[in-house]
Protein backbone atom coordinates (compact mmCIF):
# COMPACT_ATOMS: atom_id res chain seq x y z
CA MET A 1 125.02 -94.20 9.50
CA GLU A 2 127.56 -92.07 7.27
CA ARG A 3 130.69 -93.44 6.62
CA GLY A 4 133.85 -91.38 5.88
CA GLY A 5 135.78 -92.82 2.94
CA SER A 6 139.19 -92.56 3.92
CA CYS A 7 141.66 -95.58 3.94
CA ARG A 8 144.63 -96.45 5.89
CA GLY A 9 147.77 -96.82 4.11
CA PHE A 10 147.61 -100.13 1.81
CA SER A 11 151.17 -101.04 3.56
CA ARG A 12 152.62 -104.55 3.16
CA GLU A 13 152.22 -106.86 5.83
CA MET A 14 155.27 -107.44 8.17
CA GLU A 15 157.96 -108.61 6.11
CA VAL A 16 158.04 -112.24 5.89
CA PRO A 17 161.63 -114.05 4.75
CA LEU A 18 160.51 -115.52 1.20
CA GLU A 19 161.82 -118.58 2.63
CA VAL A 20 159.61 -118.80 5.36
CA LEU A 21 156.46 -117.32 2.85
CA ARG A 22 157.50 -120.54 0.45
CA GLN A 23 156.62 -123.01 3.07
CA ARG A 24 153.87 -121.06 4.37
CA GLU A 25 152.40 -121.26 0.90
CA SER A 26 152.99 -124.90 0.17
CA LYS A 27 151.31 -125.95 3.45
CA TRP A 28 148.52 -124.00 2.79
CA LEU A 29 148.14 -125.54 -0.49
CA ASP A 30 148.13 -128.97 0.90
CA MET A 31 145.35 -127.62 3.41
CA LEU A 32 143.20 -126.29 0.56
CA ASN A 33 143.75 -129.21 -1.67
CA ASN A 34 142.93 -131.86 1.06
CA TRP A 35 140.40 -129.18 2.92
CA ASP A 36 137.74 -131.79 4.04
CA LYS A 37 140.16 -133.79 5.62
CA TRP A 38 142.00 -130.95 7.43
CA MET A 39 138.68 -129.54 9.00
CA ALA A 40 137.69 -132.93 10.60
CA LYS A 41 141.07 -133.90 12.00
CA LYS A 42 143.50 -130.99 12.23
CA HIS A 43 140.97 -127.54 13.07
CA LYS A 44 143.41 -126.89 15.76
CA LYS A 45 146.32 -126.85 13.33
CA ILE A 46 144.15 -124.62 10.75
CA ARG A 47 143.50 -122.12 13.62
CA LEU A 48 147.45 -121.89 14.76
CA ARG A 49 148.03 -120.92 10.53
CA CYS A 50 145.27 -118.48 10.34
CA GLN A 51 146.88 -116.47 13.55
CA LYS A 52 150.23 -116.79 11.90
CA GLY A 53 148.65 -114.92 8.86
CA ILE A 54 147.75 -116.53 5.64
CA PRO A 55 149.84 -116.08 2.43
CA PRO A 56 148.77 -113.26 0.60
CA SER A 57 148.58 -115.27 -2.62
CA LEU A 58 146.28 -117.83 -0.91
CA ARG A 59 144.47 -115.41 1.35
CA GLY A 60 141.11 -115.10 -0.99
CA ARG A 61 140.71 -118.79 -1.62
CA ALA A 62 141.36 -119.50 1.88
CA TRP A 63 138.68 -117.22 3.05
CA GLN A 64 136.47 -119.14 0.70
CA TYR A 65 137.04 -121.95 2.42
CA LEU A 66 137.15 -120.93 5.97
CA SER A 67 133.94 -119.13 5.66
CA GLY A 68 132.11 -121.86 3.84
CA SER A 69 131.04 -119.69 0.70
CA LYS A 70 132.75 -121.79 -1.48
CA VAL A 71 130.01 -124.73 -0.61
CA LYS A 72 127.35 -122.08 -0.53
CA LEU A 73 128.47 -121.02 -4.34
CA GLU A 74 128.40 -124.88 -5.58
CA GLN A 75 124.96 -125.30 -3.99
CA ASN A 76 123.79 -121.95 -5.61
CA VAL A 77 125.59 -122.58 -8.99
CA GLY A 78 124.15 -119.16 -11.32
CA LYS A 79 122.17 -117.46 -8.49
CA PHE A 80 124.51 -114.74 -8.66
CA ASP A 81 124.40 -114.15 -12.52
CA GLU A 82 120.50 -114.46 -11.68
CA LEU A 83 120.52 -111.68 -9.36
CA ASP A 84 122.61 -109.68 -11.06
CA LEU A 85 120.77 -109.16 -14.30
CA LEU A 86 117.76 -108.02 -12.05
CA PRO A 87 116.79 -104.22 -12.00
CA GLY A 88 116.74 -103.92 -8.19
CA ASP A 89 115.12 -101.86 -5.74
CA PRO A 90 115.53 -98.20 -6.50
CA LYS A 91 115.39 -97.30 -3.12
CA TRP A 92 118.22 -99.17 -2.26
CA LEU A 93 120.26 -98.56 -5.85
CA ASP A 94 120.36 -94.88 -4.94
CA VAL A 95 121.99 -95.38 -1.67
CA ILE A 96 124.43 -97.77 -3.11
CA GLU A 97 125.33 -95.82 -5.77
CA ARG A 98 126.27 -92.81 -3.56
CA ASP A 99 128.65 -95.26 -1.21
CA LEU A 100 130.54 -96.70 -3.91
CA HIS A 101 133.22 -93.78 -3.87
CA ARG A 102 133.54 -93.55 -0.28
CA GLN A 103 134.80 -97.12 0.11
CA PHE A 104 138.74 -97.37 0.23
CA PRO A 105 139.24 -94.48 -2.66
CA PHE A 106 142.97 -94.52 -2.64
CA HIS A 107 143.22 -98.03 -3.31
CA GLU A 108 143.99 -98.43 -7.08
CA MET A 109 140.69 -100.89 -7.53
CA PHE A 110 138.31 -98.22 -6.53
CA VAL A 111 140.11 -94.68 -7.46
CA SER A 112 137.86 -94.11 -10.60
CA ARG A 113 134.06 -93.40 -10.55
CA GLY A 114 132.50 -96.30 -12.38
CA GLY A 115 135.93 -98.32 -13.00
CA HIS A 116 136.09 -102.11 -12.58
CA GLY A 117 135.81 -102.05 -8.57
CA GLN A 118 133.16 -99.92 -7.97
CA GLN A 119 131.12 -101.54 -10.85
CA ASP A 120 131.54 -104.91 -9.23
CA LEU A 121 130.74 -103.32 -5.62
CA PHE A 122 127.35 -102.22 -7.13
CA ARG A 123 126.63 -105.50 -8.19
CA VAL A 124 127.66 -107.47 -5.33
CA LEU A 125 125.71 -105.33 -3.13
CA LYS A 126 122.79 -104.96 -5.60
CA ALA A 127 122.16 -108.46 -5.63
CA TYR A 128 122.37 -109.10 -1.71
CA THR A 129 119.39 -106.86 -1.99
CA LEU A 130 117.91 -108.65 -3.81
CA TYR A 131 118.83 -111.96 -1.91
CA ARG A 132 117.45 -110.74 1.44
CA PRO A 133 115.28 -108.07 0.57
CA GLU A 134 113.72 -107.87 4.09
CA GLU A 135 117.08 -106.98 4.99
CA GLY A 136 117.83 -104.40 1.68
CA TYR A 137 121.36 -102.85 2.28
CA CYS A 138 122.89 -101.12 5.32
CA GLN A 139 126.17 -99.13 4.75
CA ALA A 140 128.55 -101.16 7.13
CA GLN A 141 128.22 -103.73 4.09
CA ALA A 142 130.09 -101.60 1.69
CA PRO A 143 133.47 -101.43 3.30
CA ILE A 144 133.05 -105.49 3.84
CA ALA A 145 132.14 -106.16 0.26
CA ALA A 146 135.14 -103.89 -0.92
CA VAL A 147 137.92 -106.21 1.03
CA LEU A 148 136.32 -109.38 -0.24
CA LEU A 149 136.71 -107.96 -3.86
CA MET A 150 140.29 -107.32 -3.22
CA HIS A 151 140.75 -110.87 -2.89
CA MET A 152 138.17 -112.55 -4.82
CA PRO A 153 136.09 -112.15 -7.90
CA ALA A 154 132.53 -110.56 -7.69
CA GLU A 155 130.49 -114.02 -7.86
CA GLN A 156 132.83 -115.61 -4.80
CA ALA A 157 132.75 -111.98 -2.99
CA PHE A 158 128.91 -112.04 -2.92
CA TRP A 159 128.96 -115.41 -1.38
CA CYS A 160 131.35 -114.45 1.08
CA LEU A 161 129.11 -111.46 1.81
CA VAL A 162 126.22 -113.59 2.33
CA GLN A 163 128.26 -115.92 4.92
CA ILE A 164 129.40 -112.70 6.72
CA CYS A 165 125.97 -111.55 7.25
CA GLU A 166 124.14 -114.78 7.95
CA LYS A 167 126.85 -116.66 9.88
CA TYR A 168 128.98 -114.51 11.39
CA LEU A 169 127.41 -111.29 12.11
CA PRO A 170 123.69 -112.44 11.84
CA GLY A 171 121.52 -109.55 12.81
CA TYR A 172 124.34 -107.00 12.31
CA TYR A 173 123.07 -105.34 9.20
CA SER A 174 119.21 -105.40 10.01
CA GLU A 175 117.15 -101.72 10.14
CA LYS A 176 117.33 -101.93 14.24
CA LEU A 177 120.71 -103.01 14.83
CA GLU A 178 119.62 -105.06 18.01
CA ALA A 179 122.38 -107.63 17.64
CA ILE A 180 125.09 -105.02 17.81
CA GLN A 181 123.36 -103.22 20.54
CA LEU A 182 123.18 -106.71 22.21
CA ASP A 183 127.09 -107.60 21.22
CA GLY A 184 128.03 -104.11 22.52
CA GLN A 185 126.42 -104.64 26.17
CA ILE A 186 128.17 -108.39 25.70
CA LEU A 187 131.39 -106.53 25.29
CA PHE A 188 131.08 -104.06 28.11
CA SER A 189 130.33 -106.89 30.43
CA LEU A 190 133.70 -108.45 29.02
CA LEU A 191 135.40 -105.36 29.41
CA HIS A 192 135.01 -105.44 33.01
CA LYS A 193 137.08 -108.62 33.62
CA VAL A 194 139.71 -107.20 31.32
CA SER A 195 140.00 -103.92 32.52
CA PRO A 196 138.14 -102.78 35.57
CA VAL A 197 139.99 -99.22 34.93
CA ALA A 198 138.72 -98.75 31.51
CA TYR A 199 135.14 -100.26 32.51
CA LYS A 200 134.91 -97.86 35.45
CA HIS A 201 135.57 -95.16 33.40
CA LEU A 202 133.26 -95.74 30.48
CA SER A 203 130.80 -96.29 33.22
CA LYS A 204 131.34 -92.70 34.78
CA GLN A 205 131.37 -91.06 31.56
CA LYS A 206 128.06 -92.78 30.96
CA ILE A 207 129.54 -93.77 27.39
CA ASP A 208 127.63 -96.30 25.88
CA PRO A 209 129.05 -99.19 24.02
CA ILE A 210 127.31 -98.18 20.76
CA LEU A 211 129.21 -94.94 20.73
CA TYR A 212 132.81 -96.30 19.89
CA MET A 213 131.75 -99.97 18.90
CA THR A 214 129.49 -99.80 16.05
CA GLU A 215 131.59 -99.35 13.19
CA TRP A 216 134.42 -101.41 14.64
CA PHE A 217 132.37 -104.60 14.93
CA MET A 218 129.75 -103.78 11.86
CA CYS A 219 132.95 -103.15 9.40
CA ALA A 220 135.10 -105.89 11.08
CA PHE A 221 137.42 -103.21 12.07
CA SER A 222 138.05 -102.63 8.32
CA ARG A 223 137.71 -99.14 8.26
CA THR A 224 139.47 -98.39 11.64
CA LEU A 225 142.83 -100.43 12.02
CA PRO A 226 146.02 -100.34 9.26
CA TRP A 227 145.75 -102.29 6.25
CA SER A 228 147.87 -104.98 7.55
CA SER A 229 146.32 -105.55 10.75
CA VAL A 230 142.69 -105.59 9.02
CA LEU A 231 144.19 -109.01 6.99
CA ARG A 232 145.62 -110.26 9.79
CA VAL A 233 142.26 -109.79 12.18
CA TRP A 234 140.24 -111.17 9.16
CA ASP A 235 142.59 -114.40 8.89
CA MET A 236 141.29 -115.30 12.50
CA PHE A 237 138.15 -113.84 11.84
CA PHE A 238 137.17 -116.32 9.26
CA CYS A 239 138.48 -119.26 11.15
CA GLU A 240 137.25 -118.67 14.79
CA GLY A 241 134.45 -116.00 13.93
CA VAL A 242 133.18 -112.99 15.90
CA LYS A 243 134.93 -113.95 19.11
CA ILE A 244 137.89 -112.15 17.34
CA ILE A 245 135.90 -108.91 16.78
CA PHE A 246 135.38 -108.73 20.66
CA ARG A 247 139.04 -109.66 21.17
CA VAL A 248 140.27 -106.87 19.20
CA GLY A 249 137.95 -104.35 20.60
CA LEU A 250 138.58 -105.59 24.07
CA VAL A 251 142.51 -105.07 23.46
CA LEU A 252 142.00 -101.68 21.83
CA LEU A 253 139.81 -100.58 24.81
CA LYS A 254 142.13 -102.03 27.19
CA HIS A 255 145.23 -100.19 25.95
CA THR A 256 143.47 -96.60 25.41
CA LEU A 257 141.72 -96.36 28.71
CA GLY A 258 143.32 -99.08 30.81
CA SER A 259 145.28 -97.41 33.45
CA SER A 260 145.10 -94.12 35.43
CA ASP A 261 148.09 -92.83 33.30
CA LYS A 262 146.14 -93.18 29.96
CA LEU A 263 143.31 -91.37 31.74
CA LYS A 264 144.86 -88.41 32.78
CA SER A 265 144.44 -86.94 29.24
CA CYS A 266 140.62 -87.76 28.86
CA GLN A 267 139.17 -86.83 31.76
CA GLY A 268 135.45 -85.55 30.07
CA GLN A 269 133.49 -87.76 27.86
CA TYR A 270 134.32 -85.69 24.66
CA GLU A 271 137.99 -86.43 25.18
CA THR A 272 136.98 -89.86 26.02
CA MET A 273 135.32 -90.29 22.90
CA GLU A 274 138.10 -88.44 20.66
CA ARG A 275 140.78 -90.86 22.31
CA LEU A 276 138.68 -93.71 20.96
CA ARG A 277 138.40 -91.97 17.63
CA ALA A 278 142.14 -91.24 17.21
CA LEU A 279 143.50 -94.28 18.53
CA SER A 280 147.18 -94.79 19.12
CA PRO A 281 149.06 -96.66 16.07
CA LYS A 282 151.03 -98.38 18.39
CA ILE A 283 148.10 -100.46 19.70
CA MET A 284 146.93 -101.20 16.57
CA GLN A 285 150.24 -102.30 14.66
CA GLU A 286 150.03 -105.55 13.11
CA THR A 287 152.44 -107.54 15.40
CA PHE A 288 151.46 -106.05 18.68
CA LEU A 289 147.44 -106.49 18.06
CA VAL A 290 148.06 -110.19 17.01
CA GLN A 291 149.99 -111.08 19.76
CA GLU A 292 147.30 -109.08 22.15
CA VAL A 293 144.83 -111.37 20.51
CA ARG A 294 146.34 -114.44 20.52
CA ARG A 295 146.75 -114.00 24.47
CA TRP A 296 143.05 -115.00 24.97
């Protein structure tokens, strides 16, 4: 699948008063410094704090704790460096090389060809093809790895990517895309309950879920939502797993196609697909989206 290369503005997250941010930071520091205790006894509290948004200064560290990639790295000390030194399969290297400049080209980390950001992205993606040669490389892994690299060094980003590919979205990046097709069908059946109007419209137009949800799910919305919303969705995703991706998808579908009024301007298959490709900024806005996702 080809991926375009735009990034929706790296606007700052919703302005949180400095005092509130400082309080959140100290709470998160306490949690991260006593992680096992919190995970064992206060998981609900962790979930609530992830829903409120992880403080930007601690986000990278928190994602590593939440995903289990910190433990994975500790169990595999030196493994990334070992993979990094190997040449890699030319078949994958060429494809990865071609994809580098498409990832968030307006972000300072990835703006220059051959710059540090692109080099680290290449290293992480190459290492994954060596770590899982039977899977190789899938283009949707590039934006995922790029978001991780904006928050942590290459070695940590690699193990976080491993966790996403193996624990959070298993089978999503394998050649046949069977897992993504299955989750497309699950999303569609959930839509029947959440928004019968949207469900009926998509059924009538014979629009297969794979046509609109593949990039959403495989890239964990990193190429769909405004930047501040991506970060908030990922905070919840690392804590609660793939169900967050389903919820975001359902919110977008419901608020795009969920009433007869909304359907007036997208009667046919083409118009419906165009609407799903150009979602309303209002429904993707951080506060609205998180509020809707938390309702479930």
